[in-house]
PDB file of N, CA and C in Angstrom:
ATOM      1  N   ASP A   1      11.202 -12.599 -25.204  1.00  0.00           N
ATOM      2  CA  ASP A   1      10.828 -13.836 -24.548  1.00  0.00           C
ATOM      3  C   ASP A   1      10.339 -13.516 -23.133  1.00  0.00           C
ATOM      4  N   GLN A   2       9.161 -13.981 -22.821  1.00  0.00           N
ATOM      5  CA  GLN A   2       8.515 -13.687 -21.553  1.00  0.00           C
ATOM      6  C   GLN A   2       9.291 -14.232 -20.355  1.00  0.00           C
ATOM      7  N   ASP A   3       9.773 -15.454 -20.463  1.00  0.00           N
ATOM      8  CA  ASP A   3      10.526 -16.045 -19.352  1.00  0.00           C
ATOM      9  C   ASP A   3      11.798 -15.268 -19.059  1.00  0.00           C
ATOM     10  N   MET A   4      12.472 -14.820 -20.087  1.00  0.00           N
ATOM     11  CA  MET A   4      13.703 -14.063 -19.897  1.00  0.00           C
ATOM     12  C   MET A   4      13.410 -12.718 -19.210  1.00  0.00           C
ATOM     13  N   LEU A   5      12.325 -12.066 -19.599  1.00  0.00           N
ATOM     14  CA  LEU A   5      11.942 -10.799 -18.974  1.00  0.00           C
ATOM     15  C   LEU A   5      11.628 -10.999 -17.494  1.00  0.00           C
ATOM     16  N   VAL A   6      10.904 -12.052 -17.187  1.00  0.00           N
ATOM     17  CA  VAL A   6      10.564 -12.348 -15.789  1.00  0.00           C
ATOM     18  C   VAL A   6      11.833 -12.603 -14.982  1.00  0.00           C
ATOM     19  N   ARG A   7      12.769 -13.375 -15.520  1.00  0.00           N
ATOM     20  CA  ARG A   7      14.031 -13.629 -14.818  1.00  0.00           C
ATOM     21  C   ARG A   7      14.824 -12.350 -14.619  1.00  0.00           C
ATOM     22  N   LEU A   8      14.849 -11.502 -15.644  1.00  0.00           N
ATOM     23  CA  LEU A   8      15.559 -10.230 -15.542  1.00  0.00           C
ATOM     24  C   LEU A   8      14.944  -9.350 -14.451  1.00  0.00           C
ATOM     25  N   LEU A   9      13.627  -9.228 -14.463  1.00  0.00           N
ATOM     26  CA  LEU A   9      12.957  -8.394 -13.456  1.00  0.00           C
ATOM     27  C   LEU A   9      13.169  -8.942 -12.048  1.00  0.00           C
ATOM     28  N   ASN A  10      13.079 -10.255 -11.884  1.00  0.00           N
ATOM     29  CA  ASN A  10      13.307 -10.846 -10.561  1.00  0.00           C
ATOM     30  C   ASN A  10      14.747 -10.642 -10.105  1.00  0.00           C
ATOM     31  N   SER A  11      15.689 -10.726 -11.030  1.00  0.00           N
ATOM     32  CA  SER A  11      17.099 -10.473 -10.686  1.00  0.00           C
ATOM     33  C   SER A  11      17.302  -9.017 -10.268  1.00  0.00           C
ATOM     34  N   LEU A  12      16.666  -8.095 -10.998  1.00  0.00           N
ATOM     35  CA  LEU A  12      16.765  -6.682 -10.635  1.00  0.00           C
ATOM     36  C   LEU A  12      16.143  -6.414  -9.269  1.00  0.00           C
ATOM     37  N   LEU A  13      15.010  -7.051  -8.988  1.00  0.00           N
ATOM     38  CA  LEU A  13      14.381  -6.890  -7.674  1.00  0.00           C
ATOM     39  C   LEU A  13      15.299  -7.387  -6.561  1.00  0.00           C
ATOM     40  N   GLU A  14      15.974  -8.507  -6.828  1.00  0.00           N
ATOM     41  CA  GLU A  14      16.900  -9.059  -5.836  1.00  0.00           C
ATOM     42  C   GLU A  14      18.114  -8.147  -5.660  1.00  0.00           C
ATOM     43  N   LEU A  15      18.688  -7.704  -6.768  1.00  0.00           N
ATOM     44  CA  LEU A  15      19.852  -6.801  -6.693  1.00  0.00           C
ATOM     45  C   LEU A  15      19.503  -5.471  -6.020  1.00  0.00           C
ATOM     46  N   GLY A  16      18.296  -4.971  -6.290  1.00  0.00           N
ATOM     47  CA  GLY A  16      17.868  -3.704  -5.714  1.00  0.00           C
ATOM     48  C   GLY A  16      17.377  -3.826  -4.284  1.00  0.00           C
ATOM     49  N   LYS A  17      17.324  -5.064  -3.774  1.00  0.00           N
ATOM     50  CA  LYS A  17      16.838  -5.326  -2.424  1.00  0.00           C
ATOM     51  C   LYS A  17      15.436  -4.757  -2.227  1.00  0.00           C
ATOM     52  N   VAL A  18      14.584  -4.994  -3.229  1.00  0.00           N
ATOM     53  CA  VAL A  18      13.197  -4.558  -3.142  1.00  0.00           C
ATOM     54  C   VAL A  18      12.438  -5.584  -2.314  1.00  0.00           C
ATOM     55  N   ARG A  19      11.950  -5.144  -1.200  1.00  0.00           N
ATOM     56  CA  ARG A  19      11.180  -5.978  -0.285  1.00  0.00           C
ATOM     57  C   ARG A  19      10.452  -5.045   0.671  1.00  0.00           C
ATOM     58  N   PRO A  20       9.518  -5.544   1.439  1.00  0.00           N
ATOM     59  CA  PRO A  20       8.835  -4.665   2.390  1.00  0.00           C
ATOM     60  C   PRO A  20       9.803  -4.162   3.472  1.00  0.00           C
ATOM     61  N   TRP A  21       9.717  -2.887   3.767  1.00  0.00           N
ATOM     62  CA  TRP A  21      10.507  -2.259   4.819  1.00  0.00           C
ATOM     63  C   TRP A  21       9.561  -1.449   5.689  1.00  0.00           C
ATOM     64  N   VAL A  22       9.781  -1.456   6.977  1.00  0.00           N
ATOM     65  CA  VAL A  22       9.017  -0.609   7.881  1.00  0.00           C
ATOM     66  C   VAL A  22       9.899   0.574   8.247  1.00  0.00           C
ATOM     67  N   ILE A  23       9.355   1.782   8.043  1.00  0.00           N
ATOM     68  CA  ILE A  23      10.060   2.990   8.456  1.00  0.00           C
ATOM     69  C   ILE A  23       9.133   3.772   9.379  1.00  0.00           C
ATOM     70  N   TRP A  24       9.734   4.476  10.332  1.00  0.00           N
ATOM     71  CA  TRP A  24       8.949   5.274  11.266  1.00  0.00           C
ATOM     72  C   TRP A  24       9.634   6.615  11.419  1.00  0.00           C
ATOM     73  N   PRO A  25       9.283   7.552  10.541  1.00  0.00           N
ATOM     74  CA  PRO A  25       9.936   8.867  10.595  1.00  0.00           C
ATOM     75  C   PRO A  25       9.645   9.582  11.917  1.00  0.00           C
ATOM     76  N   PRO A  26      10.584  10.375  12.409  1.00  0.00           N
ATOM     77  CA  PRO A  26      10.355  11.122  13.649  1.00  0.00           C
ATOM     78  C   PRO A  26       9.162  12.066  13.505  1.00  0.00           C
ATOM     79  N   GLY A  27       8.364  12.137  14.545  1.00  0.00           N
ATOM     80  CA  GLY A  27       7.217  13.036  14.546  1.00  0.00           C
ATOM     81  C   GLY A  27       5.981  12.490  13.866  1.00  0.00           C
ATOM     82  N   VAL A  28       6.047  11.279  13.339  1.00  0.00           N
ATOM     83  CA  VAL A  28       4.901  10.660  12.668  1.00  0.00           C
ATOM     84  C   VAL A  28       4.255   9.674  13.637  1.00  0.00           C
ATOM     85  N   VAL A  29       2.918   9.674  13.695  1.00  0.00           N
ATOM     86  CA  VAL A  29       2.200   8.845  14.660  1.00  0.00           C
ATOM     87  C   VAL A  29       2.365   7.352  14.387  1.00  0.00           C
ATOM     88  N   ASN A  30       2.218   6.950  13.117  1.00  0.00           N
ATOM     89  CA  ASN A  30       2.261   5.527  12.769  1.00  0.00           C
ATOM     90  C   ASN A  30       3.436   5.227  11.843  1.00  0.00           C
ATOM     91  N   PRO A  31       3.936   3.990  11.904  1.00  0.00           N
ATOM     92  CA  PRO A  31       4.993   3.613  10.961  1.00  0.00           C
ATOM     93  C   PRO A  31       4.434   3.474   9.552  1.00  0.00           C
ATOM     94  N   HIS A  32       5.320   3.508   8.574  1.00  0.00           N
ATOM     95  CA  HIS A  32       4.944   3.348   7.168  1.00  0.00           C
ATOM     96  C   HIS A  32       5.569   2.073   6.635  1.00  0.00           C
ATOM     97  N   LEU A  33       4.881   1.430   5.708  1.00  0.00           N
ATOM     98  CA  LEU A  33       5.399   0.249   5.033  1.00  0.00           C
ATOM     99  C   LEU A  33       5.761   0.653   3.617  1.00  0.00           C
ATOM    100  N   VAL A  34       7.022   0.494   3.254  1.00  0.00           N
ATOM    101  CA  VAL A  34       7.484   0.823   1.913  1.00  0.00           C
ATOM    102  C   VAL A  34       8.081  -0.433   1.290  1.00  0.00           C
ATOM    103  N   TYR A  35       8.222  -0.420  -0.033  1.00  0.00           N
ATOM    104  CA  TYR A  35       8.670  -1.621  -0.725  1.00  0.00           C
ATOM    105  C   TYR A  35       9.990  -1.455  -1.447  1.00  0.00           C
ATOM    106  N   SER A  36      10.659  -0.357  -1.218  1.00  0.00           N
ATOM    107  CA  SER A  36      11.991  -0.207  -1.789  1.00  0.00           C
ATOM    108  C   SER A  36      12.896   0.365  -0.714  1.00  0.00           C
ATOM    109  N   SER A  37      14.152   0.023  -0.791  1.00  0.00           N
ATOM    110  CA  SER A  37      15.116   0.556   0.174  1.00  0.00           C
ATOM    111  C   SER A  37      15.378   2.021  -0.172  1.00  0.00           C
ATOM    112  N   PRO A  38      16.120   2.727   0.652  1.00  0.00           N
ATOM    113  CA  PRO A  38      16.403   4.139   0.350  1.00  0.00           C
ATOM    114  C   PRO A  38      17.304   4.340  -0.882  1.00  0.00           C
ATOM    115  N   GLN A  39      17.818   3.278  -1.442  1.00  0.00           N
ATOM    116  CA  GLN A  39      18.712   3.384  -2.592  1.00  0.00           C
ATOM    117  C   GLN A  39      17.938   3.677  -3.876  1.00  0.00           C
ATOM    118  N   LEU A  40      18.492   4.505  -4.738  1.00  0.00           N
ATOM    119  CA  LEU A  40      17.856   4.875  -5.998  1.00  0.00           C
ATOM    120  C   LEU A  40      17.592   3.655  -6.875  1.00  0.00           C
ATOM    121  N   PHE A  41      18.538   2.726  -6.945  1.00  0.00           N
ATOM    122  CA  PHE A  41      18.375   1.540  -7.792  1.00  0.00           C
ATOM    123  C   PHE A  41      17.146   0.740  -7.366  1.00  0.00           C
ATOM    124  N   SER A  42      16.938   0.629  -6.065  1.00  0.00           N
ATOM    125  CA  SER A  42      15.785  -0.090  -5.544  1.00  0.00           C
ATOM    126  C   SER A  42      14.486   0.566  -5.998  1.00  0.00           C
ATOM    127  N   PHE A  43      14.403   1.868  -5.871  1.00  0.00           N
ATOM    128  CA  PHE A  43      13.214   2.607  -6.270  1.00  0.00           C
ATOM    129  C   PHE A  43      12.961   2.475  -7.776  1.00  0.00           C
ATOM    130  N   LEU A  44      14.018   2.627  -8.578  1.00  0.00           N
ATOM    131  CA  LEU A  44      13.870   2.531 -10.035  1.00  0.00           C
ATOM    132  C   LEU A  44      13.437   1.131 -10.468  1.00  0.00           C
ATOM    133  N   THR A  45      13.970   0.120  -9.814  1.00  0.00           N
ATOM    134  CA  THR A  45      13.586  -1.260 -10.132  1.00  0.00           C
ATOM    135  C   THR A  45      12.111  -1.484  -9.836  1.00  0.00           C
ATOM    136  N   LEU A  46      11.657  -1.001  -8.694  1.00  0.00           N
ATOM    137  CA  LEU A  46      10.247  -1.147  -8.347  1.00  0.00           C
ATOM    138  C   LEU A  46       9.369  -0.414  -9.360  1.00  0.00           C
ATOM    139  N   GLN A  47       9.762   0.794  -9.750  1.00  0.00           N
ATOM    140  CA  GLN A  47       8.993   1.549 -10.736  1.00  0.00           C
ATOM    141  C   GLN A  47       8.950   0.826 -12.087  1.00  0.00           C
ATOM    142  N   LEU A  48      10.083   0.258 -12.502  1.00  0.00           N
ATOM    143  CA  LEU A  48      10.120  -0.497 -13.749  1.00  0.00           C
ATOM    144  C   LEU A  48       9.161  -1.681 -13.701  1.00  0.00           C
ATOM    145  N   CYS A  49       9.173  -2.421 -12.615  1.00  0.00           N
ATOM    146  CA  CYS A  49       8.285  -3.581 -12.488  1.00  0.00           C
ATOM    147  C   CYS A  49       6.816  -3.165 -12.493  1.00  0.00           C
ATOM    148  N   LEU A  50       6.514  -2.045 -11.843  1.00  0.00           N
ATOM    149  CA  LEU A  50       5.140  -1.549 -11.868  1.00  0.00           C
ATOM    150  C   LEU A  50       4.717  -1.177 -13.283  1.00  0.00           C
ATOM    151  N   ARG A  51       5.616  -0.582 -14.055  1.00  0.00           N
ATOM    152  CA  ARG A  51       5.301  -0.204 -15.437  1.00  0.00           C
ATOM    153  C   ARG A  51       5.093  -1.445 -16.299  1.00  0.00           C
ATOM    154  N   VAL A  52       5.959  -2.438 -16.144  1.00  0.00           N
ATOM    155  CA  VAL A  52       5.820  -3.671 -16.923  1.00  0.00           C
ATOM    156  C   VAL A  52       4.490  -4.357 -16.587  1.00  0.00           C
ATOM    157  N   ALA A  53       4.099  -4.306 -15.306  1.00  0.00           N
ATOM    158  CA  ALA A  53       2.835  -4.908 -14.883  1.00  0.00           C
ATOM    159  C   ALA A  53       1.642  -4.004 -15.177  1.00  0.00           C
ATOM    160  N   ARG A  54       1.925  -2.819 -15.751  1.00  0.00           N
ATOM    161  CA  ARG A  54       0.897  -1.829 -16.071  1.00  0.00           C
ATOM    162  C   ARG A  54       0.079  -1.441 -14.851  1.00  0.00           C
ATOM    163  N   MET A  55       0.800  -1.226 -13.754  1.00  0.00           N
ATOM    164  CA  MET A  55       0.188  -0.767 -12.508  1.00  0.00           C
ATOM    165  C   MET A  55       0.719   0.626 -12.204  1.00  0.00           C
ATOM    166  N   ASN A  56      -0.155   1.508 -11.746  1.00  0.00           N
ATOM    167  CA  ASN A  56       0.268   2.852 -11.361  1.00  0.00           C
ATOM    168  C   ASN A  56       0.895   2.875  -9.982  1.00  0.00           C
ATOM    169  N   ALA A  57       0.427   1.986  -9.127  1.00  0.00           N
ATOM    170  CA  ALA A  57       0.911   1.984  -7.754  1.00  0.00           C
ATOM    171  C   ALA A  57       0.739   0.587  -7.173  1.00  0.00           C
ATOM    172  N   PHE A  58       1.432   0.369  -6.109  1.00  0.00           N
ATOM    173  CA  PHE A  58       1.355  -0.882  -5.374  1.00  0.00           C
ATOM    174  C   PHE A  58       0.567  -0.565  -4.106  1.00  0.00           C
ATOM    175  N   VAL A  59      -0.679  -1.009  -4.045  1.00  0.00           N
ATOM    176  CA  VAL A  59      -1.556  -0.614  -2.953  1.00  0.00           C
ATOM    177  C   VAL A  59      -2.052  -1.860  -2.231  1.00  0.00           C
ATOM    178  N   ILE A  60      -2.169  -1.746  -0.907  1.00  0.00           N
ATOM    179  CA  ILE A  60      -2.656  -2.854  -0.090  1.00  0.00           C
ATOM    180  C   ILE A  60      -3.910  -2.393   0.636  1.00  0.00           C
ATOM    181  N   CYS A  61      -4.942  -3.200   0.596  1.00  0.00           N
ATOM    182  CA  CYS A  61      -6.215  -2.902   1.243  1.00  0.00           C
ATOM    183  C   CYS A  61      -6.026  -2.831   2.757  1.00  0.00           C
ATOM    184  N   THR A  62      -6.605  -1.824   3.382  1.00  0.00           N
ATOM    185  CA  THR A  62      -6.511  -1.648   4.827  1.00  0.00           C
ATOM    186  C   THR A  62      -7.143  -2.811   5.564  1.00  0.00           C
ATOM    187  N   HIS A  63      -8.244  -3.330   5.039  1.00  0.00           N
ATOM    188  CA  HIS A  63      -8.993  -4.367   5.749  1.00  0.00           C
ATOM    189  C   HIS A  63      -8.452  -5.774   5.509  1.00  0.00           C
ATOM    190  N   CYS A  64      -8.406  -6.195   4.261  1.00  0.00           N
ATOM    191  CA  CYS A  64      -8.040  -7.594   3.962  1.00  0.00           C
ATOM    192  C   CYS A  64      -6.550  -7.788   3.703  1.00  0.00           C
ATOM    193  N   GLN A  65      -5.790  -6.688   3.593  1.00  0.00           N
ATOM    194  CA  GLN A  65      -4.345  -6.725   3.387  1.00  0.00           C
ATOM    195  C   GLN A  65      -3.933  -7.352   2.059  1.00  0.00           C
ATOM    196  N   LYS A  66      -4.841  -7.374   1.089  1.00  0.00           N
ATOM    197  CA  LYS A  66      -4.511  -7.899  -0.228  1.00  0.00           C
ATOM    198  C   LYS A  66      -4.074  -6.765  -1.147  1.00  0.00           C
ATOM    199  N   GLN A  67      -3.193  -7.079  -2.062  1.00  0.00           N
ATOM    200  CA  GLN A  67      -2.733  -6.110  -3.065  1.00  0.00           C
ATOM    201  C   GLN A  67      -3.844  -5.897  -4.088  1.00  0.00           C
ATOM    202  N   TYR A  68      -4.014  -4.644  -4.488  1.00  0.00           N
ATOM    203  CA  TYR A  68      -4.964  -4.361  -5.560  1.00  0.00           C
ATOM    204  C   TYR A  68      -4.485  -3.164  -6.357  1.00  0.00           C
ATOM    205  N   MET A  69      -5.037  -3.010  -7.554  1.00  0.00           N
ATOM    206  CA  MET A  69      -4.680  -1.882  -8.393  1.00  0.00           C
ATOM    207  C   MET A  69      -5.761  -0.817  -8.240  1.00  0.00           C
ATOM    208  N   PRO A  70      -5.363   0.399  -7.828  1.00  0.00           N
ATOM    209  CA  PRO A  70      -6.366   1.450  -7.664  1.00  0.00           C
ATOM    210  C   PRO A  70      -7.048   1.774  -8.993  1.00  0.00           C
ATOM    211  N   THR A  71      -8.331   2.079  -8.935  1.00  0.00           N
ATOM    212  CA  THR A  71      -9.087   2.333 -10.153  1.00  0.00           C
ATOM    213  C   THR A  71      -8.789   3.709 -10.741  1.00  0.00           C
ATOM    214  N   LYS A  72      -8.550   4.715  -9.900  1.00  0.00           N
ATOM    215  CA  LYS A  72      -8.311   6.061 -10.404  1.00  0.00           C
ATOM    216  C   LYS A  72      -6.870   6.504 -10.150  1.00  0.00           C
ATOM    217  N   ARG A  73      -6.482   6.555  -8.891  1.00  0.00           N
ATOM    218  CA  ARG A  73      -5.138   6.986  -8.530  1.00  0.00           C
ATOM    219  C   ARG A  73      -4.778   6.353  -7.195  1.00  0.00           C
ATOM    220  N   ALA A  74      -3.518   6.432  -6.859  1.00  0.00           N
ATOM    221  CA  ALA A  74      -3.068   5.864  -5.591  1.00  0.00           C
ATOM    222  C   ALA A  74      -3.671   6.663  -4.438  1.00  0.00           C
ATOM    223  N   PRO A  75      -4.067   5.985  -3.354  1.00  0.00           N
ATOM    224  CA  PRO A  75      -4.654   6.703  -2.228  1.00  0.00           C
ATOM    225  C   PRO A  75      -3.618   7.559  -1.501  1.00  0.00           C
ATOM    226  N   LYS A  76      -4.113   8.554  -0.779  1.00  0.00           N
ATOM    227  CA  LYS A  76      -3.229   9.434  -0.020  1.00  0.00           C
ATOM    228  C   LYS A  76      -2.608   8.667   1.142  1.00  0.00           C
ATOM    229  N   THR A  77      -1.374   9.001   1.447  1.00  0.00           N
ATOM    230  CA  THR A  77      -0.677   8.387   2.566  1.00  0.00           C
ATOM    231  C   THR A  77      -1.376   8.761   3.868  1.00  0.00           C
ATOM    232  N   GLY A  78      -1.512   7.793   4.743  1.00  0.00           N
ATOM    233  CA  GLY A  78      -2.109   8.050   6.043  1.00  0.00           C
ATOM    234  C   GLY A  78      -3.617   7.873   6.085  1.00  0.00           C
ATOM    235  N   PHE A  79      -4.246   7.586   4.952  1.00  0.00           N
ATOM    236  CA  PHE A  79      -5.682   7.379   4.898  1.00  0.00           C
ATOM    237  C   PHE A  79      -5.971   5.919   4.603  1.00  0.00           C
ATOM    238  N   ARG A  80      -7.099   5.450   5.098  1.00  0.00           N
ATOM    239  CA  ARG A  80      -7.513   4.082   4.793  1.00  0.00           C
ATOM    240  C   ARG A  80      -7.857   3.962   3.311  1.00  0.00           C
ATOM    241  N   ASN A  81      -7.605   2.794   2.771  1.00  0.00           N
ATOM    242  CA  ASN A  81      -8.007   2.518   1.392  1.00  0.00           C
ATOM    243  C   ASN A  81      -8.476   1.078   1.327  1.00  0.00           C
ATOM    244  N   PHE A  82      -9.428   0.842   0.452  1.00  0.00           N
ATOM    245  CA  PHE A  82     -10.074  -0.462   0.393  1.00  0.00           C
ATOM    246  C   PHE A  82     -10.121  -0.979  -1.031  1.00  0.00           C
ATOM    247  N   CYS A  83      -9.914  -2.272  -1.175  1.00  0.00           N
ATOM    248  CA  CYS A  83      -9.992  -2.913  -2.488  1.00  0.00           C
ATOM    249  C   CYS A  83     -11.455  -2.931  -2.940  1.00  0.00           C
ATOM    250  N   PRO A  84     -11.706  -3.127  -4.222  1.00  0.00           N
ATOM    251  CA  PRO A  84     -13.094  -3.146  -4.723  1.00  0.00           C
ATOM    252  C   PRO A  84     -13.976  -4.187  -4.025  1.00  0.00           C
ATOM    253  N   GLU A  85     -13.414  -5.331  -3.700  1.00  0.00           N
ATOM    254  CA  GLU A  85     -14.208  -6.376  -3.040  1.00  0.00           C
ATOM    255  C   GLU A  85     -14.676  -5.924  -1.663  1.00  0.00           C
ATOM    256  N   CYS A  86     -13.763  -5.325  -0.882  1.00  0.00           N
ATOM    257  CA  CYS A  86     -14.145  -4.837   0.448  1.00  0.00           C
ATOM    258  C   CYS A  86     -15.135  -3.683   0.338  1.00  0.00           C
ATOM    259  N   ARG A  87     -14.948  -2.827  -0.669  1.00  0.00           N
ATOM    260  CA  ARG A  87     -15.911  -1.724  -0.883  1.00  0.00           C
ATOM    261  C   ARG A  87     -17.304  -2.272  -1.175  1.00  0.00           C
ATOM    262  N   ASN A  88     -17.374  -3.290  -2.028  1.00  0.00           N
ATOM    263  CA  ASN A  88     -18.675  -3.890  -2.359  1.00  0.00           C
ATOM    264  C   ASN A  88     -19.323  -4.558  -1.156  1.00  0.00           C
ATOM    265  N   ASN A  89     -18.515  -5.036  -0.220  1.00  0.00           N
ATOM    266  CA  ASN A  89     -19.024  -5.695   0.981  1.00  0.00           C
ATOM    267  C   ASN A  89     -19.346  -4.708   2.104  1.00  0.00           C
ATOM    268  N   GLY A  90     -19.175  -3.404   1.855  1.00  0.00           N
ATOM    269  CA  GLY A  90     -19.538  -2.392   2.845  1.00  0.00           C
ATOM    270  C   GLY A  90     -18.538  -2.198   3.971  1.00  0.00           C
ATOM    271  N   VAL A  91     -17.318  -2.635   3.785  1.00  0.00           N
ATOM    272  CA  VAL A  91     -16.311  -2.526   4.839  1.00  0.00           C
ATOM    273  C   VAL A  91     -16.006  -1.068   5.211  1.00  0.00           C
ATOM    274  N   PRO A  92     -15.889  -0.130   4.241  1.00  0.00           N
ATOM    275  CA  PRO A  92     -15.639   1.260   4.641  1.00  0.00           C
ATOM    276  C   PRO A  92     -16.721   1.817   5.570  1.00  0.00           C
ATOM    277  N   LYS A  93     -17.971   1.419   5.358  1.00  0.00           N
ATOM    278  CA  LYS A  93     -19.062   1.873   6.229  1.00  0.00           C
ATOM    279  C   LYS A  93     -18.899   1.314   7.638  1.00  0.00           C
ATOM    280  N   GLN A  94     -18.415   0.082   7.738  1.00  0.00           N
ATOM    281  CA  GLN A  94     -18.192  -0.512   9.054  1.00  0.00           C
ATOM    282  C   GLN A  94     -17.128   0.269   9.824  1.00  0.00           C
ATOM    283  N   TYR A  95     -16.038   0.648   9.115  1.00  0.00           N
ATOM    284  CA  TYR A  95     -14.982   1.435   9.748  1.00  0.00           C
ATOM    285  C   TYR A  95     -15.508   2.813  10.151  1.00  0.00           C
ATOM    286  N   ALA A  96     -16.319   3.427   9.291  1.00  0.00           N
ATOM    287  CA  ALA A  96     -16.871   4.746   9.589  1.00  0.00           C
ATOM    288  C   ALA A  96     -17.790   4.677  10.805  1.00  0.00           C
ATOM    289  N   LEU A  97     -18.621   3.649  10.894  1.00  0.00           N
ATOM    290  CA  LEU A  97     -19.514   3.486  12.041  1.00  0.00           C
ATOM    291  C   LEU A  97     -18.710   3.261  13.318  1.00  0.00           C
ATOM    292  N   LYS A  98     -17.675   2.455  13.219  1.00  0.00           N
ATOM    293  CA  LYS A  98     -16.818   2.208  14.389  1.00  0.00           C
ATOM    294  C   LYS A  98     -16.159   3.512  14.848  1.00  0.00           C
ATOM    295  N   ASP A  99     -15.669   4.312  13.906  1.00  0.00           N
ATOM    296  CA  ASP A  99     -15.066   5.599  14.244  1.00  0.00           C
ATOM    297  C   ASP A  99     -16.086   6.539  14.876  1.00  0.00           C
ATOM    298  N   PHE A 100     -17.307   6.558  14.328  1.00  0.00           N
ATOM    299  CA  PHE A 100     -18.367   7.409  14.861  1.00  0.00           C
ATOM    300  C   PHE A 100     -18.689   7.021  16.303  1.00  0.00           C
ATOM    301  N   ARG A 101     -18.829   5.735  16.548  1.00  0.00           N
ATOM    302  CA  ARG A 101     -19.133   5.267  17.913  1.00  0.00           C
ATOM    303  C   ARG A 101     -18.005   5.602  18.885  1.00  0.00           C
ATOM    304  N   GLN A 102     -16.775   5.492  18.407  1.00  0.00           N
ATOM    305  CA  GLN A 102     -15.625   5.838  19.248  1.00  0.00           C
ATOM    306  C   GLN A 102     -15.646   7.330  19.603  1.00  0.00           C
ATOM    307  N   ARG A 103     -15.968   8.182  18.616  1.00  0.00           N
ATOM    308  CA  ARG A 103     -16.069   9.627  18.877  1.00  0.00           C
ATOM    309  C   ARG A 103     -17.192   9.925  19.858  1.00  0.00           C
ATOM    310  N   GLN A 104     -18.318   9.214  19.718  1.00  0.00           N
ATOM    311  CA  GLN A 104     -19.432   9.416  20.635  1.00  0.00           C
ATOM    312  C   GLN A 104     -19.049   9.044  22.062  1.00  0.00           C
ATOM    313  N   ARG A 105     -18.351   7.939  22.231  1.00  0.00           N
ATOM    314  CA  ARG A 105     -17.891   7.518  23.559  1.00  0.00           C
ATOM    315  C   ARG A 105     -16.933   8.540  24.159  1.00  0.00           C
ATOM    316  N   SER A 106     -16.038   9.046  23.305  1.00  0.00           N
ATOM    317  CA  SER A 106     -15.056  10.034  23.770  1.00  0.00           C
ATOM    318  C   SER A 106     -15.739  11.321  24.222  1.00  0.00           C
ATOM    319  N   GLU A 107     -16.762  11.760  23.488  1.00  0.00           N
ATOM    320  CA  GLU A 107     -17.498  12.969  23.853  1.00  0.00           C
ATOM    321  C   GLU A 107     -18.284  12.767  25.138  1.00  0.00           C
ATOM    322  N   ASN A 108     -18.834  11.563  25.344  1.00  0.00           N
ATOM    323  CA  ASN A 108     -19.607  11.281  26.555  1.00  0.00           C
ATOM    324  C   ASN A 108     -18.715  11.162  27.787  1.00  0.00           C
ATOM    325  N   ASP A 109     -17.473  10.771  27.578  1.00  0.00           N
ATOM    326  CA  ASP A 109     -16.541  10.617  28.701  1.00  0.00           C
ATOM    327  C   ASP A 109     -16.053  11.979  29.216  1.00  0.00           C
ATOM    328  N   VAL A 110     -16.127  13.000  28.371  1.00  0.00           N
ATOM    329  CA  VAL A 110     -15.623  14.321  28.752  1.00  0.00           C
ATOM    330  C   VAL A 110     -16.584  15.055  29.600  1.00  0.00           C
TER     331      VAL A 110
END
């Protein structure tokens, strides 16, 4: 029964305290956003829900902050990633141009 499965998964998510967490490991420039607590049960619950939803990973677009399913594999940690809609709208090129201009300004200031 679909409703029973949904209730079970939501109960497991609640018991596992699966929710967004911000962690900032020592020596790392930027904080990380994770969706499971450090507890094993939390991680396993999140993995189970991803499998039931037939998702390989839980990914959020750098630009629009919307959840999307990666087409090939989960992006590398610390790198920008974009949903298909933002890719089609040329958003990665905008970020690349902005980065290029910033590098040019930095080189001219030296």
